[in-house]
């Protein structure tokens, strides 16, 4: 375990930034899974995500993962009624006029994952710390960490959105993550208990719990099917048409559906399944393109 953590941190050093993507992914895959990455005949879900990183480089994907541009892309396909309102987008932290913002808002970078600030009282916000944190993230290319090609050319910006509250639900909003394969939803999952130990529960199309875990334990709780689940499926299938694999996320807020994000490589393709056989079972759902589309 120590070796794995140390090796992961080692691979994140700048010295590896110039390493070829294929070489980097093979090394990281071996460190995490203890076996070679098969790119000639990938079979598992994690192997196929690595293949897609290297050989399914559709330029449209960059727009689809940009947290600002994705809203316009999605709005054109399914309508702006499903889009959480944007309060502003900025190239630099110091461009933000906090006096003009509401007391509550959500702030994050457009080019990465995990840089979310949920501000419930701007008067209590430590602007100095957040300036330092966001300025650091704006300089970082998220592509380096796992060679997720879609993020490589996203313009680093800060987006601020309306803070959304579900009057029927206590705590943080639940997001419903629909796994789409060639435009068809096959399963979904829900994340919960983010403040303590993240729990992840997978469901089939009939909202039955699926008998596996992926990198995180299941909650062991009864999670209700969202009221608008069928609508989420319909919208997700429109957004995922002609894409080998993409995860489409939605929120259900006050009985309405709102778009969250599009993710091409969940967990960067480095998360283990328990039991392991489900890595292959879910992987079988991905039909890889016959032609390789590499970066020009």
C-alpha atoms as a PDB file:
ATOM      1  CA  UNK A   1       0.000   0.000   0.000  1.00  0.00           C
ATOM      2  CA  UNK A   2       2.821   2.411   0.876  1.00  0.00           C
ATOM      3  CA  UNK A   3       4.557   1.628  -2.401  1.00  0.00           C
ATOM      4  CA  UNK A   4       1.362   2.307  -4.356  1.00  0.00           C
ATOM      5  CA  UNK A   5       0.789   5.715  -2.757  1.00  0.00           C
ATOM      6  CA  UNK A   6       4.443   6.668  -3.082  1.00  0.00           C
ATOM      7  CA  UNK A   7       4.525   5.572  -6.717  1.00  0.00           C
ATOM      8  CA  UNK A   8       1.360   7.536  -7.535  1.00  0.00           C
ATOM      9  CA  UNK A   9       2.832  10.675  -6.022  1.00  0.00           C
ATOM     10  CA  UNK A  10       6.088  10.039  -7.850  1.00  0.00           C
ATOM     11  CA  UNK A  11       4.273   9.888 -11.199  1.00  0.00           C
ATOM     12  CA  UNK A  12       2.722  13.278 -10.504  1.00  0.00           C
ATOM     13  CA  UNK A  13       6.112  14.992 -10.418  1.00  0.00           C
ATOM     14  CA  UNK A  14       6.745  17.486 -13.260  1.00  0.00           C
ATOM     15  CA  UNK A  15       9.591  15.286 -14.545  1.00  0.00           C
ATOM     16  CA  UNK A  16       6.967  12.914 -15.972  1.00  0.00           C
ATOM     17  CA  UNK A  17       4.951  15.598 -17.789  1.00  0.00           C
ATOM     18  CA  UNK A  18       6.875  15.074 -21.030  1.00  0.00           C
ATOM     19  CA  UNK A  19       6.528  11.297 -20.949  1.00  0.00           C
ATOM     20  CA  UNK A  20       4.458   9.859 -23.793  1.00  0.00           C
ATOM     21  CA  UNK A  21       0.838   9.271 -22.811  1.00  0.00           C
ATOM     22  CA  UNK A  22       0.891   5.561 -23.617  1.00  0.00           C
ATOM     23  CA  UNK A  23       4.035   4.955 -21.574  1.00  0.00           C
ATOM     24  CA  UNK A  24       2.730   6.944 -18.626  1.00  0.00           C
ATOM     25  CA  UNK A  25      -0.616   5.113 -18.620  1.00  0.00           C
ATOM     26  CA  UNK A  26       1.023   1.699 -18.818  1.00  0.00           C
ATOM     27  CA  UNK A  27       3.245   2.478 -15.832  1.00  0.00           C
ATOM     28  CA  UNK A  28       0.429   3.911 -13.741  1.00  0.00           C
ATOM     29  CA  UNK A  29      -1.936   1.061 -14.627  1.00  0.00           C
ATOM     30  CA  UNK A  30       0.631  -1.522 -13.541  1.00  0.00           C
ATOM     31  CA  UNK A  31       1.272   0.276 -10.259  1.00  0.00           C
ATOM     32  CA  UNK A  32      -2.427   0.402  -9.397  1.00  0.00           C
ATOM     33  CA  UNK A  33      -3.662  -2.954 -10.717  1.00  0.00           C
ATOM     34  CA  UNK A  34      -0.492  -5.026 -10.546  1.00  0.00           C
ATOM     35  CA  UNK A  35      -0.811  -6.189 -14.153  1.00  0.00           C
ATOM     36  CA  UNK A  36      -0.010  -5.009 -17.668  1.00  0.00           C
ATOM     37  CA  UNK A  37      -2.342  -2.695 -19.530  1.00  0.00           C
ATOM     38  CA  UNK A  38      -3.624  -4.477 -22.630  1.00  0.00           C
ATOM     39  CA  UNK A  39      -4.137  -1.835 -25.309  1.00  0.00           C
ATOM     40  CA  UNK A  40      -4.108  -4.293 -28.220  1.00  0.00           C
ATOM     41  CA  UNK A  41      -7.178  -6.181 -27.002  1.00  0.00           C
ATOM     42  CA  UNK A  42      -8.594  -4.260 -24.029  1.00  0.00           C
ATOM     43  CA  UNK A  43     -11.381  -6.129 -22.236  1.00  0.00           C
ATOM     44  CA  UNK A  44     -12.116  -4.477 -18.900  1.00  0.00           C
ATOM     45  CA  UNK A  45     -13.845  -1.171 -18.235  1.00  0.00           C
ATOM     46  CA  UNK A  46     -10.623   0.364 -16.916  1.00  0.00           C
ATOM     47  CA  UNK A  47      -8.560  -0.892 -19.869  1.00  0.00           C
ATOM     48  CA  UNK A  48     -11.052   0.455 -22.377  1.00  0.00           C
ATOM     49  CA  UNK A  49     -11.078   3.874 -20.723  1.00  0.00           C
ATOM     50  CA  UNK A  50      -7.295   4.010 -21.199  1.00  0.00           C
ATOM     51  CA  UNK A  51      -7.738   3.030 -24.870  1.00  0.00           C
ATOM     52  CA  UNK A  52     -10.344   5.766 -25.327  1.00  0.00           C
ATOM     53  CA  UNK A  53      -7.991   8.337 -23.794  1.00  0.00           C
ATOM     54  CA  UNK A  54      -5.409   7.524 -26.451  1.00  0.00           C
ATOM     55  CA  UNK A  55      -7.448   6.746 -29.536  1.00  0.00           C
ATOM     56  CA  UNK A  56     -10.856   8.462 -29.350  1.00  0.00           C
ATOM     57  CA  UNK A  57      -9.746  12.082 -29.415  1.00  0.00           C
ATOM     58  CA  UNK A  58     -12.746  13.860 -30.867  1.00  0.00           C
ATOM     59  CA  UNK A  59     -12.112  17.636 -30.602  1.00  0.00           C
ATOM     60  CA  UNK A  60     -15.748  18.110 -29.526  1.00  0.00           C
ATOM     61  CA  UNK A  61     -14.978  16.354 -26.244  1.00  0.00           C
ATOM     62  CA  UNK A  62     -12.881  19.298 -25.062  1.00  0.00           C
ATOM     63  CA  UNK A  63     -15.909  21.567 -25.288  1.00  0.00           C
ATOM     64  CA  UNK A  64     -18.052  18.977 -23.511  1.00  0.00           C
ATOM     65  CA  UNK A  65     -15.871  18.819 -20.383  1.00  0.00           C
ATOM     66  CA  UNK A  66     -15.260  22.564 -20.129  1.00  0.00           C
ATOM     67  CA  UNK A  67     -17.615  23.539 -17.297  1.00  0.00           C
ATOM     68  CA  UNK A  68     -18.536  26.781 -19.054  1.00  0.00           C
ATOM     69  CA  UNK A  69     -18.646  25.672 -22.686  1.00  0.00           C
ATOM     70  CA  UNK A  70     -20.476  22.447 -21.772  1.00  0.00           C
ATOM     71  CA  UNK A  71     -23.487  24.467 -20.640  1.00  0.00           C
ATOM     72  CA  UNK A  72     -23.855  25.996 -24.086  1.00  0.00           C
ATOM     73  CA  UNK A  73     -23.288  22.634 -25.748  1.00  0.00           C
ATOM     74  CA  UNK A  74     -25.896  20.889 -23.584  1.00  0.00           C
ATOM     75  CA  UNK A  75     -28.377  23.757 -23.830  1.00  0.00           C
ATOM     76  CA  UNK A  76     -28.320  23.530 -27.626  1.00  0.00           C
ATOM     77  CA  UNK A  77     -29.197  19.825 -27.446  1.00  0.00           C
ATOM     78  CA  UNK A  78     -31.773  19.607 -24.656  1.00  0.00           C
ATOM     79  CA  UNK A  79     -32.745  23.187 -23.756  1.00  0.00           C
ATOM     80  CA  UNK A  80     -31.584  25.834 -21.291  1.00  0.00           C
ATOM     81  CA  UNK A  81     -34.292  24.926 -18.748  1.00  0.00           C
ATOM     82  CA  UNK A  82     -31.951  22.160 -17.568  1.00  0.00           C
ATOM     83  CA  UNK A  83     -28.970  24.469 -17.014  1.00  0.00           C
ATOM     84  CA  UNK A  84     -27.995  25.873 -13.610  1.00  0.00           C
ATOM     85  CA  UNK A  85     -27.684  29.677 -14.021  1.00  0.00           C
ATOM     86  CA  UNK A  86     -24.178  31.085 -14.450  1.00  0.00           C
ATOM     87  CA  UNK A  87     -23.385  34.228 -12.430  1.00  0.00           C
ATOM     88  CA  UNK A  88     -20.044  34.885 -14.090  1.00  0.00           C
ATOM     89  CA  UNK A  89     -16.937  33.445 -15.708  1.00  0.00           C
ATOM     90  CA  UNK A  90     -13.476  34.899 -15.100  1.00  0.00           C
ATOM     91  CA  UNK A  91      -9.899  34.455 -16.329  1.00  0.00           C
ATOM     92  CA  UNK A  92      -8.476  35.430 -12.934  1.00  0.00           C
ATOM     93  CA  UNK A  93      -9.611  35.392  -9.328  1.00  0.00           C
ATOM     94  CA  UNK A  94      -8.969  39.134  -8.989  1.00  0.00           C
ATOM     95  CA  UNK A  95     -11.456  39.839 -11.804  1.00  0.00           C
ATOM     96  CA  UNK A  96     -14.319  38.721  -9.558  1.00  0.00           C
ATOM     97  CA  UNK A  97     -16.430  41.522  -8.058  1.00  0.00           C
ATOM     98  CA  UNK A  98     -17.750  39.820  -4.942  1.00  0.00           C
ATOM     99  CA  UNK A  99     -19.902  42.838  -4.094  1.00  0.00           C
ATOM    100  CA  UNK A 100     -22.085  42.061  -7.088  1.00  0.00           C
ATOM    101  CA  UNK A 101     -22.493  38.390  -6.183  1.00  0.00           C
ATOM    102  CA  UNK A 102     -25.317  37.030  -4.023  1.00  0.00           C
ATOM    103  CA  UNK A 103     -24.490  35.864  -0.520  1.00  0.00           C
ATOM    104  CA  UNK A 104     -24.544  32.216  -1.644  1.00  0.00           C
ATOM    105  CA  UNK A 105     -22.903  30.796  -4.754  1.00  0.00           C
ATOM    106  CA  UNK A 106     -20.801  27.920  -6.122  1.00  0.00           C
ATOM    107  CA  UNK A 107     -17.348  28.593  -7.559  1.00  0.00           C
ATOM    108  CA  UNK A 108     -15.088  26.189  -9.467  1.00  0.00           C
ATOM    109  CA  UNK A 109     -12.542  25.961 -12.243  1.00  0.00           C
ATOM    110  CA  UNK A 110     -13.694  25.194 -15.755  1.00  0.00           C
ATOM    111  CA  UNK A 111     -10.750  22.949 -16.616  1.00  0.00           C
ATOM    112  CA  UNK A 112     -10.420  20.408 -13.798  1.00  0.00           C
ATOM    113  CA  UNK A 113     -12.246  18.174 -11.349  1.00  0.00           C
ATOM    114  CA  UNK A 114     -12.739  18.752  -7.638  1.00  0.00           C
ATOM    115  CA  UNK A 115     -12.038  22.484  -7.358  1.00  0.00           C
ATOM    116  CA  UNK A 116     -15.485  23.290  -6.005  1.00  0.00           C
ATOM    117  CA  UNK A 117     -16.174  25.975  -3.400  1.00  0.00           C
ATOM    118  CA  UNK A 118     -19.713  25.993  -2.011  1.00  0.00           C
ATOM    119  CA  UNK A 119     -20.096  29.416  -0.425  1.00  0.00           C
ATOM    120  CA  UNK A 120     -23.110  29.813   1.848  1.00  0.00           C
ATOM    121  CA  UNK A 121     -22.037  33.158   3.293  1.00  0.00           C
ATOM    122  CA  UNK A 122     -19.616  35.306   1.311  1.00  0.00           C
ATOM    123  CA  UNK A 123     -18.916  37.456   4.368  1.00  0.00           C
ATOM    124  CA  UNK A 124     -17.303  34.435   6.023  1.00  0.00           C
ATOM    125  CA  UNK A 125     -15.323  33.413   2.961  1.00  0.00           C
ATOM    126  CA  UNK A 126     -11.549  33.530   3.390  1.00  0.00           C
ATOM    127  CA  UNK A 127     -10.764  35.322   0.143  1.00  0.00           C
ATOM    128  CA  UNK A 128      -7.021  35.262   0.730  1.00  0.00           C
ATOM    129  CA  UNK A 129      -6.951  31.475   1.020  1.00  0.00           C
ATOM    130  CA  UNK A 130      -9.318  30.991  -1.902  1.00  0.00           C
ATOM    131  CA  UNK A 131      -7.314  33.384  -4.078  1.00  0.00           C
ATOM    132  CA  UNK A 132      -4.186  31.364  -3.378  1.00  0.00           C
ATOM    133  CA  UNK A 133      -5.991  28.050  -3.991  1.00  0.00           C
ATOM    134  CA  UNK A 134      -7.693  29.071  -7.233  1.00  0.00           C
ATOM    135  CA  UNK A 135      -4.649  30.839  -8.649  1.00  0.00           C
ATOM    136  CA  UNK A 136      -2.670  27.647  -8.100  1.00  0.00           C
ATOM    137  CA  UNK A 137      -5.335  25.540  -9.820  1.00  0.00           C
ATOM    138  CA  UNK A 138      -5.561  27.922 -12.776  1.00  0.00           C
ATOM    139  CA  UNK A 139      -1.888  27.228 -13.491  1.00  0.00           C
ATOM    140  CA  UNK A 140      -2.314  23.447 -13.395  1.00  0.00           C
ATOM    141  CA  UNK A 141      -3.192  21.380 -16.455  1.00  0.00           C
ATOM    142  CA  UNK A 142      -5.458  18.608 -15.155  1.00  0.00           C
ATOM    143  CA  UNK A 143      -4.421  16.435 -18.111  1.00  0.00           C
ATOM    144  CA  UNK A 144      -1.080  15.670 -16.457  1.00  0.00           C
ATOM    145  CA  UNK A 145      -2.575  13.591 -13.635  1.00  0.00           C
ATOM    146  CA  UNK A 146      -4.130  10.798 -15.691  1.00  0.00           C
ATOM    147  CA  UNK A 147      -3.687  11.848 -19.317  1.00  0.00           C
ATOM    148  CA  UNK A 148      -7.400  12.520 -19.685  1.00  0.00           C
ATOM    149  CA  UNK A 149      -7.013  14.019 -23.129  1.00  0.00           C
ATOM    150  CA  UNK A 150     -10.331  15.866 -23.013  1.00  0.00           C
ATOM    151  CA  UNK A 151      -8.977  18.322 -20.414  1.00  0.00           C
ATOM    152  CA  UNK A 152      -5.656  19.046 -22.119  1.00  0.00           C
ATOM    153  CA  UNK A 153      -6.802  22.079 -24.112  1.00  0.00           C
ATOM    154  CA  UNK A 154      -9.565  23.459 -21.909  1.00  0.00           C
ATOM    155  CA  UNK A 155      -9.007  27.148 -21.184  1.00  0.00           C
ATOM    156  CA  UNK A 156      -8.459  27.597 -17.413  1.00  0.00           C
ATOM    157  CA  UNK A 157     -11.140  29.905 -16.019  1.00  0.00           C
ATOM    158  CA  UNK A 158     -13.289  30.313 -12.931  1.00  0.00           C
ATOM    159  CA  UNK A 159     -17.031  29.884 -13.213  1.00  0.00           C
ATOM    160  CA  UNK A 160     -19.511  31.000 -10.554  1.00  0.00           C
ATOM    161  CA  UNK A 161     -22.986  29.492 -10.497  1.00  0.00           C
ATOM    162  CA  UNK A 162     -26.192  30.015  -8.605  1.00  0.00           C
ATOM    163  CA  UNK A 163     -26.324  28.091  -5.314  1.00  0.00           C
ATOM    164  CA  UNK A 164     -29.179  25.618  -5.689  1.00  0.00           C
ATOM    165  CA  UNK A 165     -31.216  24.335  -2.749  1.00  0.00           C
ATOM    166  CA  UNK A 166     -33.692  21.457  -2.752  1.00  0.00           C
ATOM    167  CA  UNK A 167     -36.420  22.379  -0.297  1.00  0.00           C
ATOM    168  CA  UNK A 168     -37.337  18.699   0.158  1.00  0.00           C
ATOM    169  CA  UNK A 169     -33.830  17.421   0.743  1.00  0.00           C
ATOM    170  CA  UNK A 170     -31.539  18.034   3.692  1.00  0.00           C
ATOM    171  CA  UNK A 171     -27.802  18.372   3.228  1.00  0.00           C
ATOM    172  CA  UNK A 172     -25.891  18.476  -0.058  1.00  0.00           C
ATOM    173  CA  UNK A 173     -27.610  17.826  -3.358  1.00  0.00           C
ATOM    174  CA  UNK A 174     -27.549  14.288  -4.712  1.00  0.00           C
ATOM    175  CA  UNK A 175     -26.225  13.943  -8.219  1.00  0.00           C
ATOM    176  CA  UNK A 176     -27.324  11.030 -10.355  1.00  0.00           C
ATOM    177  CA  UNK A 177     -24.609   9.714 -12.658  1.00  0.00           C
ATOM    178  CA  UNK A 178     -25.862   7.865 -15.728  1.00  0.00           C
ATOM    179  CA  UNK A 179     -23.450   5.519 -17.506  1.00  0.00           C
ATOM    180  CA  UNK A 180     -24.035   5.779 -21.256  1.00  0.00           C
ATOM    181  CA  UNK A 181     -22.739   3.384 -23.897  1.00  0.00           C
ATOM    182  CA  UNK A 182     -23.213   4.390 -27.550  1.00  0.00           C
ATOM    183  CA  UNK A 183     -26.128   6.580 -26.598  1.00  0.00           C
ATOM    184  CA  UNK A 184     -27.838   4.081 -24.297  1.00  0.00           C
ATOM    185  CA  UNK A 185     -27.998   4.270 -20.510  1.00  0.00           C
ATOM    186  CA  UNK A 186     -27.124   0.867 -19.027  1.00  0.00           C
ATOM    187  CA  UNK A 187     -26.717   1.704 -15.331  1.00  0.00           C
ATOM    188  CA  UNK A 188     -26.199   4.613 -12.968  1.00  0.00           C
ATOM    189  CA  UNK A 189     -24.783   5.433  -9.580  1.00  0.00           C
ATOM    190  CA  UNK A 190     -25.274   7.848  -6.708  1.00  0.00           C
ATOM    191  CA  UNK A 191     -22.565   9.360  -4.478  1.00  0.00           C
ATOM    192  CA  UNK A 192     -23.338  10.155  -0.851  1.00  0.00           C
ATOM    193  CA  UNK A 193     -21.690  10.973   2.489  1.00  0.00           C
ATOM    194  CA  UNK A 194     -18.993  13.073   0.793  1.00  0.00           C
ATOM    195  CA  UNK A 195     -18.117  14.877   4.041  1.00  0.00           C
ATOM    196  CA  UNK A 196     -17.035  11.674   5.783  1.00  0.00           C
ATOM    197  CA  UNK A 197     -16.252   8.560   3.724  1.00  0.00           C
ATOM    198  CA  UNK A 198     -17.593   8.696   0.190  1.00  0.00           C
ATOM    199  CA  UNK A 199     -20.191   6.025  -0.569  1.00  0.00           C
ATOM    200  CA  UNK A 200     -21.151   4.912  -4.086  1.00  0.00           C
ATOM    201  CA  UNK A 201     -24.232   2.843  -4.968  1.00  0.00           C
ATOM    202  CA  UNK A 202     -24.784   1.403  -8.457  1.00  0.00           C
ATOM    203  CA  UNK A 203     -28.252   0.734  -9.901  1.00  0.00           C
ATOM    204  CA  UNK A 204     -29.612  -1.006 -12.976  1.00  0.00           C
ATOM    205  CA  UNK A 205     -32.326   0.540 -15.161  1.00  0.00           C
ATOM    206  CA  UNK A 206     -35.059  -0.788 -12.839  1.00  0.00           C
ATOM    207  CA  UNK A 207     -33.300   0.884  -9.887  1.00  0.00           C
ATOM    208  CA  UNK A 208     -32.183  -2.385  -8.346  1.00  0.00           C
ATOM    209  CA  UNK A 209     -28.844  -2.197  -6.562  1.00  0.00           C
ATOM    210  CA  UNK A 210     -26.087  -3.842  -8.550  1.00  0.00           C
ATOM    211  CA  UNK A 211     -23.871  -6.379  -6.718  1.00  0.00           C
ATOM    212  CA  UNK A 212     -20.496  -4.636  -6.949  1.00  0.00           C
ATOM    213  CA  UNK A 213     -18.509  -1.707  -5.621  1.00  0.00           C
ATOM    214  CA  UNK A 214     -15.985   0.489  -7.404  1.00  0.00           C
ATOM    215  CA  UNK A 215     -13.184   1.934  -5.333  1.00  0.00           C
ATOM    216  CA  UNK A 216     -15.652   3.132  -2.661  1.00  0.00           C
ATOM    217  CA  UNK A 217     -18.006   1.167  -0.381  1.00  0.00           C
ATOM    218  CA  UNK A 218     -21.746   1.203  -0.960  1.00  0.00           C
ATOM    219  CA  UNK A 219     -23.877   3.097   1.536  1.00  0.00           C
ATOM    220  CA  UNK A 220     -25.929   0.085   2.691  1.00  0.00           C
ATOM    221  CA  UNK A 221     -28.882   2.496   2.650  1.00  0.00           C
ATOM    222  CA  UNK A 222     -32.117   2.579   0.708  1.00  0.00           C
ATOM    223  CA  UNK A 223     -31.667   5.298  -1.915  1.00  0.00           C
ATOM    224  CA  UNK A 224     -34.899   6.252  -3.636  1.00  0.00           C
ATOM    225  CA  UNK A 225     -35.121   6.452  -7.394  1.00  0.00           C
ATOM    226  CA  UNK A 226     -35.310  10.095  -8.497  1.00  0.00           C
ATOM    227  CA  UNK A 227     -38.771  11.228  -9.458  1.00  0.00           C
ATOM    228  CA  UNK A 228     -37.575  12.256 -12.922  1.00  0.00           C
ATOM    229  CA  UNK A 229     -35.347   9.251 -13.596  1.00  0.00           C
ATOM    230  CA  UNK A 230     -37.001   8.410 -16.933  1.00  0.00           C
ATOM    231  CA  UNK A 231     -36.510  11.999 -18.081  1.00  0.00           C
ATOM    232  CA  UNK A 232     -32.867  11.842 -17.014  1.00  0.00           C
ATOM    233  CA  UNK A 233     -32.423   8.714 -19.136  1.00  0.00           C
ATOM    234  CA  UNK A 234     -34.051  10.404 -22.124  1.00  0.00           C
ATOM    235  CA  UNK A 235     -31.841  13.482 -21.828  1.00  0.00           C
ATOM    236  CA  UNK A 236     -28.670  11.468 -21.182  1.00  0.00           C
ATOM    237  CA  UNK A 237     -29.236   9.408 -24.307  1.00  0.00           C
ATOM    238  CA  UNK A 238     -29.561  12.567 -26.392  1.00  0.00           C
ATOM    239  CA  UNK A 239     -26.315  13.917 -24.982  1.00  0.00           C
ATOM    240  CA  UNK A 240     -24.394  10.651 -25.388  1.00  0.00           C
ATOM    241  CA  UNK A 241     -25.422   9.750 -28.935  1.00  0.00           C
ATOM    242  CA  UNK A 242     -22.565   8.278 -31.016  1.00  0.00           C
ATOM    243  CA  UNK A 243     -20.116   8.326 -28.094  1.00  0.00           C
ATOM    244  CA  UNK A 244     -18.571   4.969 -27.058  1.00  0.00           C
ATOM    245  CA  UNK A 245     -18.813   5.864 -23.384  1.00  0.00           C
ATOM    246  CA  UNK A 246     -19.664   8.966 -21.388  1.00  0.00           C
ATOM    247  CA  UNK A 247     -21.159   9.565 -17.959  1.00  0.00           C
ATOM    248  CA  UNK A 248     -23.928  12.161 -17.819  1.00  0.00           C
ATOM    249  CA  UNK A 249     -24.710  13.715 -14.433  1.00  0.00           C
ATOM    250  CA  UNK A 250     -27.937  15.354 -13.331  1.00  0.00           C
ATOM    251  CA  UNK A 251     -29.365  16.888 -10.195  1.00  0.00           C
ATOM    252  CA  UNK A 252     -33.004  16.737  -9.132  1.00  0.00           C
ATOM    253  CA  UNK A 253     -33.858  20.018  -7.400  1.00  0.00           C
ATOM    254  CA  UNK A 254     -37.388  20.913  -6.318  1.00  0.00           C
ATOM    255  CA  UNK A 255     -38.757  18.253  -8.685  1.00  0.00           C
ATOM    256  CA  UNK A 256     -36.831  19.656 -11.657  1.00  0.00           C
ATOM    257  CA  UNK A 257     -33.864  18.161 -13.520  1.00  0.00           C
ATOM    258  CA  UNK A 258     -30.619  20.110 -13.914  1.00  0.00           C
ATOM    259  CA  UNK A 259     -27.516  19.149 -15.875  1.00  0.00           C
ATOM    260  CA  UNK A 260     -24.334  18.550 -13.866  1.00  0.00           C
ATOM    261  CA  UNK A 261     -21.440  17.539 -16.116  1.00  0.00           C
ATOM    262  CA  UNK A 262     -20.132  15.131 -18.740  1.00  0.00           C
ATOM    263  CA  UNK A 263     -17.329  12.757 -17.760  1.00  0.00           C
ATOM    264  CA  UNK A 264     -15.493  10.527 -20.226  1.00  0.00           C
ATOM    265  CA  UNK A 265     -13.171   8.647 -17.860  1.00  0.00           C
ATOM    266  CA  UNK A 266     -14.725   8.118 -14.394  1.00  0.00           C
ATOM    267  CA  UNK A 267     -12.060   7.696 -11.744  1.00  0.00           C
ATOM    268  CA  UNK A 268      -9.545   8.307 -14.545  1.00  0.00           C
ATOM    269  CA  UNK A 269      -9.917   4.608 -15.404  1.00  0.00           C
ATOM    270  CA  UNK A 270      -7.920   3.629 -12.322  1.00  0.00           C
ATOM    271  CA  UNK A 271     -10.597   2.455  -9.876  1.00  0.00           C
ATOM    272  CA  UNK A 272     -10.887  -1.189  -8.867  1.00  0.00           C
ATOM    273  CA  UNK A 273     -14.099  -3.199  -8.948  1.00  0.00           C
ATOM    274  CA  UNK A 274     -15.163  -5.539  -6.145  1.00  0.00           C
ATOM    275  CA  UNK A 275     -15.763  -8.313  -7.139  1.00  0.00           C
ATOM    276  CA  UNK A 276     -13.112  -7.860  -9.834  1.00  0.00           C
ATOM    277  CA  UNK A 277     -15.149  -9.718 -12.479  1.00  0.00           C
ATOM    278  CA  UNK A 278     -17.400  -6.657 -12.869  1.00  0.00           C
ATOM    279  CA  UNK A 279     -14.527  -4.743 -14.417  1.00  0.00           C
ATOM    280  CA  UNK A 280     -14.950  -7.122 -17.368  1.00  0.00           C
ATOM    281  CA  UNK A 281     -18.777  -7.251 -17.193  1.00  0.00           C
ATOM    282  CA  UNK A 282     -19.120  -3.452 -17.381  1.00  0.00           C
ATOM    283  CA  UNK A 283     -16.252  -3.299 -19.849  1.00  0.00           C
ATOM    284  CA  UNK A 284     -18.188  -5.550 -22.231  1.00  0.00           C
ATOM    285  CA  UNK A 285     -20.724  -2.730 -22.604  1.00  0.00           C
ATOM    286  CA  UNK A 286     -18.145  -0.491 -24.299  1.00  0.00           C
ATOM    287  CA  UNK A 287     -17.832  -1.115 -28.020  1.00  0.00           C
ATOM    288  CA  UNK A 288     -14.596   0.524 -29.093  1.00  0.00           C
ATOM    289  CA  UNK A 289     -14.438   2.366 -32.438  1.00  0.00           C
ATOM    290  CA  UNK A 290     -12.848   0.413 -35.260  1.00  0.00           C
ATOM    291  CA  UNK A 291     -10.790   3.420 -36.315  1.00  0.00           C
ATOM    292  CA  UNK A 292      -8.345   5.151 -34.000  1.00  0.00           C
ATOM    293  CA  UNK A 293      -8.764   8.918 -33.764  1.00  0.00           C
ATOM    294  CA  UNK A 294      -5.472  10.220 -32.407  1.00  0.00           C
ATOM    295  CA  UNK A 295      -4.350  13.774 -31.719  1.00  0.00           C
ATOM    296  CA  UNK A 296      -3.220  15.628 -34.816  1.00  0.00           C
END
